Protein backbone atom coordinates (compact mmCIF):
# COMPACT_ATOMS: atom_id res chain seq x y z
CA MET A 1 84.44 245.12 10.28
CA ILE A 2 86.73 241.71 11.62
CA VAL A 3 89.98 240.93 10.72
CA GLY A 4 91.07 237.10 10.87
CA ARG A 5 94.37 235.23 10.07
CA LEU A 6 94.85 231.67 9.16
CA GLN A 7 96.49 229.31 11.97
CA ASN A 8 96.64 225.74 11.20
CA GLY A 9 93.98 225.62 8.93
CA GLN A 10 91.88 227.50 11.11
CA LEU A 11 90.63 231.00 11.18
CA GLN A 12 91.40 232.86 14.15
CA LEU A 13 89.74 236.30 14.78
CA ILE A 14 92.41 238.84 15.79
CA ASP A 15 90.39 242.35 15.60
CA ARG A 16 86.98 243.75 15.25
CA LEU A 17 85.62 247.06 14.26
CA ARG A 18 82.04 248.26 14.44
CA GLU A 19 80.97 251.82 13.95
CA PRO A 20 76.87 252.44 13.66
CA VAL A 21 75.64 254.25 10.40
CA ARG A 22 72.56 253.03 9.78
CA LEU A 23 72.66 253.36 6.30
CA ALA A 24 68.97 251.88 5.58
CA ALA A 25 67.80 255.33 7.33
CA GLY A 26 69.67 257.33 4.79
CA LEU A 27 67.39 256.92 1.45
CA ASP A 28 65.30 259.36 0.37
CA ASP A 29 61.73 259.01 -1.44
CA ASP A 30 63.75 258.24 -4.96
CA GLN A 31 66.03 255.83 -3.23
CA GLN A 32 68.96 258.16 -3.51
CA LEU A 33 70.91 258.54 -0.21
CA TYR A 34 71.21 261.39 1.85
CA PRO A 35 74.30 263.34 1.16
CA GLU A 36 75.06 263.25 5.04
CA VAL A 37 74.08 259.85 5.63
CA ALA A 38 76.63 258.82 2.68
CA GLY A 39 79.22 261.22 4.27
CA ARG A 40 78.67 259.46 7.68
CA ALA A 41 79.21 256.08 5.77
CA LEU A 42 82.34 257.25 3.76
CA ASP A 43 83.81 258.85 6.78
CA CYS A 44 83.51 255.28 8.71
CA LEU A 45 85.26 253.55 5.38
CA ARG A 46 88.16 255.72 5.55
CA ARG A 47 88.91 254.75 9.43
CA PHE A 48 88.18 251.28 8.27
CA GLY A 49 90.51 251.46 5.48
CA GLN A 50 93.11 252.41 7.63
CA ARG A 51 93.43 249.16 9.30
CA VAL A 52 93.33 247.42 6.39
CA HIS A 53 94.92 249.22 3.84
CA GLU A 54 98.06 246.81 4.08
CA LEU A 55 96.17 243.95 3.25
CA LYS A 56 96.56 242.63 -0.64
CA PRO A 57 92.68 242.91 -2.48
CA GLY A 58 92.79 239.16 -2.75
CA SER A 59 92.37 239.17 1.47
CA VAL A 60 89.80 241.35 1.58
CA ARG A 61 86.18 241.27 0.93
CA ALA A 62 83.83 244.07 1.75
CA VAL A 63 79.96 243.90 0.90
CA GLY A 64 76.82 246.12 0.50
CA THR A 65 73.50 244.33 1.42
CA ASN A 66 69.62 245.69 1.57
CA THR A 67 70.24 248.97 1.61
CA LEU A 68 72.77 249.15 -1.09
CA ARG A 69 70.46 246.76 -3.53
CA LEU A 70 67.65 249.41 -2.75
CA ALA A 71 69.68 252.50 -3.15
CA ARG A 72 69.97 254.23 -6.92
CA ILE A 73 74.05 254.78 -6.36
CA SER A 74 73.49 257.68 -9.82
CA ASN A 75 76.57 259.70 -7.78
CA GLY A 76 79.29 257.82 -7.61
CA PHE A 77 79.01 256.66 -4.08
CA ILE A 78 80.10 253.04 -4.95
CA GLU A 79 83.14 254.44 -6.33
CA GLN A 80 83.65 256.73 -3.64
CA ALA A 81 83.02 253.99 -1.27
CA GLN A 82 85.91 251.85 -2.62
CA GLU A 83 88.46 254.65 -2.54
CA ALA A 84 87.82 255.29 0.97
CA LEU A 85 88.09 251.61 2.12
CA GLY A 86 91.03 251.07 -0.55
CA HIS A 87 89.00 248.04 -1.70
CA SER A 88 86.41 246.58 -3.87
CA ILE A 89 82.95 246.63 -2.55
CA GLU A 90 80.39 243.89 -3.78
CA VAL A 91 77.01 244.45 -3.27
CA ILE A 92 75.32 241.14 -3.10
CA SER A 93 71.53 239.58 -3.46
CA GLY A 94 69.40 239.26 -0.03
CA ILE A 95 69.94 235.24 -0.82
CA GLU A 96 73.64 235.64 -1.17
CA GLU A 97 73.42 237.23 2.10
CA ALA A 98 71.50 234.49 3.65
CA ARG A 99 73.91 231.75 2.21
CA LEU A 100 76.70 233.61 4.14
CA ILE A 101 75.24 234.24 6.93
CA HIS A 102 74.47 230.44 7.59
CA LEU A 103 78.04 229.90 6.61
CA GLY A 104 79.16 232.21 9.62
CA VAL A 105 76.73 230.93 11.97
CA ALA A 106 77.95 227.23 11.03
CA HIS A 107 81.85 227.83 11.88
CA SER A 108 80.51 229.45 15.08
CA LEU A 109 78.62 226.76 16.47
CA ALA A 110 78.87 223.20 17.77
CA ASP A 111 76.76 221.21 15.20
CA PRO A 112 74.12 219.01 17.28
CA GLY A 113 73.13 217.34 14.62
CA GLY A 114 69.69 217.78 12.79
CA GLN A 115 68.06 220.91 11.11
CA ARG A 116 69.06 224.07 12.09
CA LEU A 117 66.90 227.43 11.81
CA VAL A 118 69.13 230.84 11.24
CA VAL A 119 67.37 233.98 11.75
CA ASP A 120 69.49 237.36 11.31
CA ILE A 121 67.51 240.55 11.70
CA GLY A 122 69.28 243.75 9.77
CA GLY A 123 68.77 247.41 9.37
CA GLY A 124 66.95 246.62 6.06
CA SER A 125 66.37 243.18 5.80
CA THR A 126 65.73 239.72 7.84
CA GLU A 127 67.29 236.73 6.51
CA LEU A 128 65.87 233.30 7.42
CA ILE A 129 67.71 230.11 7.06
CA ILE A 130 67.31 226.48 7.45
CA GLY A 131 70.43 224.67 7.16
CA GLU A 132 72.19 221.30 8.40
CA GLY A 133 75.69 221.18 8.98
CA PHE A 134 77.30 223.52 6.65
CA HIS A 135 74.72 223.05 3.95
CA PRO A 136 71.88 225.69 3.61
CA ILE A 137 68.63 224.00 2.38
CA TYR A 138 66.58 226.88 2.37
CA LEU A 139 67.29 230.19 2.37
CA GLU A 140 65.25 233.74 2.07
CA SER A 141 65.65 237.33 2.76
CA LEU A 142 62.65 239.75 3.49
CA TYR A 143 62.28 242.90 3.28
CA MET A 144 61.91 244.23 6.84
CA GLY A 145 64.26 245.09 9.56
CA CYS A 146 64.84 247.25 12.55
CA VAL A 147 65.55 250.51 10.31
CA ASN A 148 62.26 250.56 7.85
CA ILE A 149 60.25 249.35 10.58
CA SER A 150 61.30 251.80 12.97
CA GLN A 151 60.41 254.61 10.38
CA ARG A 152 56.96 252.68 9.48
CA PHE A 153 55.47 252.58 13.11
CA PHE A 154 58.32 254.36 15.52
CA ALA A 155 59.18 257.19 13.86
CA LYS A 156 58.79 259.84 16.47
CA GLY A 157 60.52 257.00 19.01
CA VAL A 158 56.73 256.61 20.68
CA ILE A 159 56.39 252.93 21.60
CA SER A 160 52.68 252.13 22.24
CA LYS A 161 51.09 248.92 22.50
CA LYS A 162 48.84 249.73 18.90
CA ALA A 163 52.38 250.79 17.08
CA MET A 164 53.88 247.25 18.27
CA LYS A 165 50.77 245.31 17.31
CA GLU A 166 51.12 246.88 14.19
CA ALA A 167 54.76 246.46 14.01
CA ILE A 168 54.58 242.77 14.41
CA LEU A 169 51.29 242.55 12.42
CA ALA A 170 53.33 244.05 9.36
CA ALA A 171 56.03 241.69 9.74
CA ARG A 172 53.94 238.79 10.19
CA LEU A 173 52.29 239.70 7.19
CA GLU A 174 55.92 239.99 5.29
CA LEU A 175 56.51 236.42 6.71
CA GLN A 176 53.45 234.54 5.53
CA ALA A 177 55.01 233.31 2.30
CA SER A 178 57.69 231.61 3.63
CA ARG A 179 56.26 230.60 7.15
CA GLU A 180 54.51 226.95 5.43
CA ILE A 181 57.66 226.12 3.66
CA LEU A 182 59.88 226.51 7.09
CA CYS A 183 57.66 225.04 8.96
CA ARG A 184 57.26 222.25 6.67
CA LEU A 185 61.24 221.63 6.72
CA GLY A 186 61.54 221.82 10.36
CA TRP A 187 64.13 222.44 12.82
CA SER A 188 65.79 221.05 16.08
CA MET A 189 67.75 223.93 17.22
CA ALA A 190 66.80 228.18 16.76
CA THR A 191 69.62 230.21 16.51
CA GLY A 192 69.75 234.35 16.12
CA SER A 193 72.68 236.23 14.76
CA SER A 194 73.86 239.56 14.69
CA GLY A 195 72.96 242.81 16.67
CA THR A 196 69.46 242.88 17.39
CA ILE A 197 69.05 239.48 18.68
CA ARG A 198 72.40 239.82 20.49
CA THR A 199 71.33 242.47 22.09
CA VAL A 200 67.46 241.00 22.87
CA ARG A 201 69.73 238.12 24.32
CA ASP A 202 71.76 240.39 26.99
CA VAL A 203 68.37 242.21 27.83
CA VAL A 204 66.66 239.30 28.62
CA ARG A 205 69.40 237.63 30.62
CA GLU A 206 70.27 240.70 32.60
CA SER A 207 67.05 241.38 33.41
CA GLY A 208 66.43 238.11 34.92
CA TRP A 209 63.74 237.26 32.27
CA SER A 210 65.60 233.81 30.93
CA ASP A 211 68.78 232.11 31.46
CA SER A 212 69.39 230.42 28.45
CA GLY A 213 69.29 232.13 25.09
CA ILE A 214 65.28 234.27 24.22
CA THR A 215 61.76 232.18 25.12
CA ALA A 216 58.76 233.42 23.80
CA ASP A 217 57.54 234.53 27.60
CA SER A 218 60.70 236.43 27.97
CA LEU A 219 60.57 238.28 24.64
CA LYS A 220 56.48 238.94 25.65
CA GLN A 221 57.90 240.53 28.77
CA LEU A 222 60.53 242.61 27.05
CA ARG A 223 57.82 244.10 24.90
CA ASN A 224 55.62 245.25 27.72
CA SER A 225 58.52 246.22 29.41
CA LEU A 226 59.29 248.96 26.08
CA ILE A 227 55.31 249.74 26.06
CA ASP A 228 55.55 251.12 29.88
CA ILE A 229 59.03 253.06 28.96
CA GLY A 230 56.80 254.47 25.82
CA GLN A 231 60.09 256.26 24.24
CA SER A 232 62.96 255.04 22.81
CA GLU A 233 65.17 257.58 23.86
CA GLU A 234 64.33 256.77 27.32
CA ILE A 235 65.36 252.90 26.89
CA ASP A 236 67.55 252.62 29.75
CA PHE A 237 68.58 249.09 29.65
CA PRO A 238 72.25 248.55 30.08
CA ALA A 239 72.94 246.35 27.07
CA VAL A 240 70.89 248.38 24.61
CA ASN A 241 73.49 251.34 23.91
CA GLU A 242 72.52 255.03 22.53
CA ASN A 243 73.31 254.38 18.91
CA ARG A 244 70.69 251.38 19.25
CA ARG A 245 67.61 252.98 21.35
CA PRO A 246 65.79 254.41 18.09
CA VAL A 247 65.65 250.67 16.30
CA PHE A 248 65.47 248.69 19.29
CA ALA A 249 61.48 248.25 19.63
CA ALA A 250 61.70 247.48 15.93
CA GLY A 251 64.02 245.32 16.07
CA VAL A 252 61.83 243.36 18.91
CA ALA A 253 59.27 243.55 16.75
CA VAL A 254 60.35 241.60 13.90
CA LEU A 255 61.81 238.91 16.39
CA SER A 256 58.45 239.10 18.16
CA ALA A 257 56.73 238.41 14.59
CA VAL A 258 59.28 235.25 13.62
CA PHE A 259 58.67 233.58 17.37
CA GLN A 260 54.71 234.29 16.98
CA ALA A 261 54.64 233.00 13.14
CA LEU A 262 56.99 230.10 13.63
CA LYS A 263 56.11 229.23 17.04
CA ILE A 264 59.35 229.51 18.56
CA ASP A 265 59.61 228.62 22.11
CA ARG A 266 63.59 229.51 22.41
CA MET A 267 66.21 231.14 20.23
CA GLN A 268 69.99 230.65 20.99
CA TYR A 269 72.67 233.30 19.91
CA SER A 270 75.48 232.65 17.54
CA SER A 271 78.55 235.07 17.41
CA GLY A 272 79.07 234.61 13.80
CA ALA A 273 77.07 235.90 11.27
CA LEU A 274 77.48 237.35 7.63
CA ARG A 275 81.27 238.88 8.45
CA GLU A 276 82.46 235.31 9.71
CA GLY A 277 80.80 233.84 6.42
CA LEU A 278 82.48 236.55 4.18
CA LEU A 279 86.03 235.14 5.96
CA TYR A 280 85.22 231.50 5.58
CA ASP A 281 83.89 232.22 2.17
CA LEU A 282 87.13 233.81 1.14
CA LEU A 283 89.14 230.99 2.83
CA GLY A 284 87.40 228.79 0.47
CA ARG A 285 88.60 230.68 -2.61
CA ILE A 286 92.21 230.86 -1.38
CA GLN A 287 92.19 227.07 -0.91
CA HIS A 288 90.91 226.21 -4.52
CA LYS A 289 87.20 225.32 -2.67
CA ASP A 290 85.03 228.26 -4.69
CA ILE A 291 81.68 227.76 -4.05
CA ARG A 292 81.36 230.11 -7.09
CA GLU A 293 82.52 226.76 -9.42
CA ALA A 294 80.38 224.62 -7.66
CA THR A 295 77.15 226.85 -8.43
CA VAL A 296 78.46 227.38 -12.37
CA GLN A 297 78.63 223.36 -12.51
CA SER A 298 75.16 223.15 -11.00
CA LEU A 299 73.85 225.60 -13.53
CA ALA A 300 75.54 223.38 -16.53
CA GLN A 301 73.60 220.78 -15.14
CA ARG A 302 70.67 222.57 -14.91
CA TYR A 303 70.17 223.71 -18.21
CA HIS A 304 71.64 220.26 -19.98
CA VAL A 305 74.81 222.22 -21.21
CA ASP A 306 76.35 220.05 -24.03
CA LEU A 307 79.75 219.90 -21.63
CA GLU A 308 81.70 218.76 -24.59
CA GLN A 309 81.30 221.55 -26.27
CA ALA A 310 81.91 223.72 -23.72
CA GLN A 311 85.00 222.03 -23.13
CA ARG A 312 86.05 222.62 -26.60
CA VAL A 313 85.03 226.60 -26.60
CA GLU A 314 86.98 226.47 -23.18
CA THR A 315 89.89 225.05 -24.68
CA THR A 316 90.65 227.44 -27.58
CA ALA A 317 89.46 230.53 -25.50
CA VAL A 318 91.93 230.18 -22.97
CA VAL A 319 94.85 229.19 -26.21
CA LEU A 320 93.87 232.40 -27.41
CA GLY A 321 93.70 234.26 -24.16
CA ASN A 322 97.20 232.85 -23.13
CA GLN A 323 98.67 234.46 -26.14
CA LEU A 324 97.14 237.72 -25.64
CA ALA A 325 97.27 238.17 -21.72
CA ARG A 326 100.49 240.06 -21.80
CA GLN A 327 98.86 242.41 -24.64
CA TRP A 328 95.63 242.67 -23.42
CA GLN A 329 96.76 243.06 -19.55
CA LEU A 330 94.76 239.81 -18.47
CA HIS A 331 95.10 238.33 -15.40
CA ARG A 332 95.25 234.10 -14.71
CA GLU A 333 91.71 234.91 -12.51
CA ASP A 334 90.06 236.29 -16.00
CA ILE A 335 91.25 233.09 -17.85
CA ASP A 336 91.04 230.60 -15.37
CA GLN A 337 87.86 231.64 -14.17
CA TRP A 338 85.69 233.99 -15.95
CA LEU A 339 86.76 232.91 -19.23
CA HIS A 340 86.31 229.25 -18.08
CA TRP A 341 82.67 229.99 -16.40
CA ALA A 342 81.23 232.14 -19.91
CA ALA A 343 82.45 229.24 -21.69
CA LEU A 344 80.63 226.63 -19.56
CA LEU A 345 77.53 228.38 -19.55
CA HIS A 346 77.37 230.46 -22.72
CA GLU A 347 74.75 228.24 -24.52
CA THR A 348 72.30 227.99 -21.39
CA GLY A 349 69.88 229.81 -23.58
CA LEU A 350 69.10 227.01 -25.33
CA VAL A 351 67.14 225.51 -22.44
CA ILE A 352 64.11 228.00 -23.73
CA ALA A 353 64.87 228.53 -27.38
CA HIS A 354 67.88 228.53 -30.20
CA SER A 355 66.60 231.75 -31.36
CA GLN A 356 68.44 234.74 -29.55
CA TYR A 357 69.50 231.98 -27.12
CA HIS A 358 72.54 234.12 -25.98
CA LYS A 359 69.87 236.76 -24.66
CA HIS A 360 68.12 234.18 -22.77
CA GLY A 361 71.17 232.73 -21.46
CA ALA A 362 72.34 236.23 -20.17
CA TYR A 363 68.79 236.74 -18.38
CA LEU A 364 69.16 233.25 -16.68
CA ILE A 365 72.48 234.47 -15.18
CA GLU A 366 71.46 237.82 -14.25
CA TYR A 367 68.47 237.41 -12.61
CA SER A 368 69.05 233.73 -10.91
CA ASP A 369 70.33 233.33 -7.31
CA LEU A 370 74.11 232.44 -7.51
CA ALA A 371 76.02 231.31 -4.50
CA GLY A 372 79.36 233.17 -4.57
CA PHE A 373 78.58 235.86 -6.81
CA SER A 374 78.09 239.31 -5.88
CA LEU A 375 75.31 240.89 -8.39
CA LEU A 376 77.67 242.71 -10.40
CA ASP A 377 79.63 239.58 -10.99
CA GLN A 378 76.09 238.58 -11.96
CA ARG A 379 75.83 240.90 -14.72
CA PHE A 380 79.54 240.67 -15.79
CA LEU A 381 79.25 236.87 -16.56
CA SER A 382 75.83 237.81 -18.29
CA ILE A 383 77.09 240.05 -20.50
CA LEU A 384 79.96 238.12 -21.30
CA ILE A 385 77.13 235.10 -22.62
CA HIS A 386 75.06 237.86 -24.00
CA SER A 387 78.01 239.11 -25.89
CA HIS A 388 79.39 235.95 -27.31
CA ARG A 389 77.88 236.03 -30.92
CA ARG A 390 75.60 238.52 -33.22
CA LYS A 391 75.68 241.80 -32.73
CA PHE A 392 78.45 242.91 -29.82
CA ARG A 393 75.96 245.75 -28.04
CA LYS A 394 78.86 248.31 -26.41
CA SER A 395 76.34 249.59 -24.52
CA LEU A 396 75.93 246.36 -22.20
CA VAL A 397 79.47 246.92 -21.37
CA GLU A 398 79.47 250.45 -20.88
CA ALA A 399 76.97 249.93 -17.68
CA LEU A 400 79.88 248.28 -16.24
CA PRO A 401 82.37 250.00 -13.46
CA GLY A 402 85.30 251.81 -16.00
CA ASP A 403 87.67 249.47 -14.89
CA ARG A 404 85.81 246.54 -16.15
CA GLN A 405 84.55 247.34 -19.30
CA GLU A 406 87.69 246.80 -21.16
CA LYS A 407 88.39 243.46 -19.32
CA ALA A 408 84.67 242.60 -20.87
CA ILE A 409 85.53 243.34 -24.12
CA CYS A 410 88.47 241.45 -24.45
CA LEU A 411 86.79 238.68 -22.65
CA ALA A 412 84.09 238.33 -25.21
CA ILE A 413 85.98 238.57 -28.05
CA LEU A 414 88.46 235.66 -27.10
CA LEU A 415 84.33 233.94 -26.05
CA ARG A 416 83.33 235.13 -29.66
CA LEU A 417 86.22 233.58 -31.59
CA SER A 418 86.31 230.29 -30.19
CA VAL A 419 82.46 229.92 -30.35
CA LEU A 420 82.67 230.46 -34.23
CA LEU A 421 85.60 228.53 -34.44
CA HIS A 422 83.57 225.27 -33.47
CA ARG A 423 80.50 226.06 -34.64
CA ASN A 424 80.42 222.85 -36.73
CA ARG A 425 80.66 220.96 -32.66
CA SER A 426 83.64 218.72 -34.08
CA GLN A 427 86.33 217.38 -31.77
CA ASN A 428 88.71 216.93 -34.74
CA GLU A 429 88.39 220.81 -35.69
CA ASN A 430 91.21 222.24 -33.29
CA PRO A 431 93.94 223.95 -35.83
CA ASP A 432 97.01 225.84 -34.22
CA ILE A 433 96.00 229.19 -34.28
CA LYS A 434 98.32 231.78 -33.75
CA VAL A 435 96.88 234.96 -32.57
CA SER A 436 98.57 238.90 -31.84
CA ALA A 437 96.92 242.37 -30.87
CA ALA A 438 97.88 245.65 -31.76
CA GLU A 439 95.69 248.57 -30.71
CA GLN A 440 92.42 248.39 -31.68
CA SER A 441 93.05 245.48 -33.48
CA ILE A 442 93.25 241.74 -33.46
CA GLN A 443 95.01 239.25 -36.00
CA LEU A 444 94.64 235.42 -36.41
CA GLU A 445 97.14 233.40 -38.13
CA PHE A 446 96.09 230.04 -39.56
CA PRO A 447 98.04 226.84 -40.98
CA GLN A 448 98.50 227.29 -44.80
CA GLY A 449 95.66 226.38 -46.58
CA TRP A 450 93.07 225.63 -43.75
CA LEU A 451 90.44 228.53 -44.04
CA GLU A 452 90.58 228.09 -47.94
CA GLU A 453 89.42 224.21 -46.70
CA HIS A 454 86.94 225.70 -44.28
CA PRO A 455 84.89 228.48 -46.11
CA LEU A 456 82.17 228.40 -43.76
CA THR A 457 84.73 229.53 -40.96
CA LEU A 458 86.29 232.08 -43.55
CA ALA A 459 82.40 233.59 -44.24
CA ASP A 460 82.02 233.64 -40.39
CA LEU A 461 84.88 235.46 -39.46
CA ASP A 462 84.14 237.98 -42.42
CA GLU A 463 80.73 238.65 -40.55
CA GLU A 464 82.69 238.70 -37.30
CA LYS A 465 84.29 242.04 -38.75
CA LYS A 466 81.30 243.63 -39.10
CA PHE A 467 79.86 242.28 -35.33
CA LEU A 468 83.01 243.77 -34.09
CA LYS A 469 83.32 247.59 -34.99
CA PRO A 470 80.76 248.54 -32.36
CA VAL A 471 83.60 248.15 -29.72
CA SER A 472 86.83 249.24 -32.50
CA ILE A 473 87.82 246.32 -33.01
CA LYS A 474 89.66 245.55 -36.72
CA LEU A 475 89.48 241.86 -37.27
CA GLU A 476 92.13 240.37 -39.30
CA TYR A 477 93.15 237.20 -40.24
CA SER A 478 95.30 235.04 -43.08
C-alpha cells in the first residue's frame, strides 16, 4: 500500500506499507482460497485499514488482481476483505492491470522519447506493455507469475538445472502468442517494475555482475548461481529477504524467458508500478480527467451509436433521476456517471442485430477490456444495458453485491422509462413529466391530454407495468 497527497498539482508519496501474503499460493483445486491464506490476507488488510480508516472512500482505491480473478469467491471473502480494510475493493482484469502498471511507470521515469517496453512480474501473472509517453499502445497479461511457476517447477524448493530449463520453456511458450506483435511494435528502452525485477536488479548489482540495470549476461550468472545453491531456503543474497526466497527462482525463470523471447540486452528498473498507477488514475477522476469517460466515448464511436438518440434518452433519464434522487437515495455519481454511461451505450448491441440487441450490448460491455473499469463495474453497467427493455430479469440484479442491487434497479427503471418515452426518436417529443415514488411504486404525471395524443406511448406504458412486476415495482401514470 502507498499513501500520497496532492501538492502543487503533483502527487507526493508520504507512506508505504508492504506485507507479503502470497495469495496466489492459496488456491485449492476448486479455485477456493484456503482458510489460512484468506485469514492471513484479512489480518494484513486490518493492519492496512488502520492507516486509511480516516480517509474518505473516494480517496482510496484498492484492487485485487490475478488470484481474485481466478478465485471462486463463494465464502464472502471480498465482503470480509472490504470490512477489514474499511474501503471497497475492486477486482480488475489483466489488461486493466497492465494499463495501470504502465501509468505508474510512465509517471515514475523520465521520458527519453520513443516507445517503451514495460514488464511486470507478479505472483500469478506477468504484464507486458508497449507504450509511448503516458499512452499505452499494446497491453498483455499472461498467466505466469513467480508463485504459480514456483508451484509447478520448484515446489519442493529444489533449484536444479532441469527445473530452471523447464520453467523458462513453459514461460516462453506462454509468451509465444504475444512475442511477434511486441517485437513488431518495437521499443527503445526496456523497463521492469515491482518486487521480482527490483530484487533481481539489486542482486546483480550487489554481486558485481552489472552496474546499470539488468543485463542478459548478469541474468545468466544469477541463474547459474541459483542452480549451484540448489535450494530456495539456502539463497543467501542480501537483497532476497526470507519471504521472497521460496519464489525467487521462479521469478528469475520468468524474467529469463522474457529476455530470451524478446532478445532483451538490458532492462532498467522503475520504482512506479500498479500502486502508483492507481493513485494517478484516482487523481484523474478527482480532476475530471476520468479515463472511463474516454473509454465509453470510444465504445460509442466504435459501435456507431446514434449519439442524438443517446442524448435524448440521457436528458430525460437525468430529469427523472433528479426528481427521484432523494426518495431513491441516488448520488450525483449515480446520475451523472452511471446513468450517463448506460444511456450512451444502451444501443451498442444494434451493431450485431436488432433482435435481442439489449442482450448483445450487455455481452459486449461485460466481456470487453474497458480501461478504467473494474470487472464488477463492467457487470453493473452491463446489467443496466441488459435491463433497459423487455423483461426485467431480477436474477441479473441479484448477482450483484447487496449494496448495488437496489441502485441497479432504480437506474435501470429510469433508463427504461426514458427509452420508452423516446421510442419515436423525435427531438420534438419531450413532455414536461413529473415523477414521484412511494414504497414499491412510481408515479408519472404527464401534461393534460398528452397521453391521449400519444397512444403508442400509452400502450408501451401499459406493457411496462407487466415488465416491472419481477422487481416488485408498481407503475402508475396519468
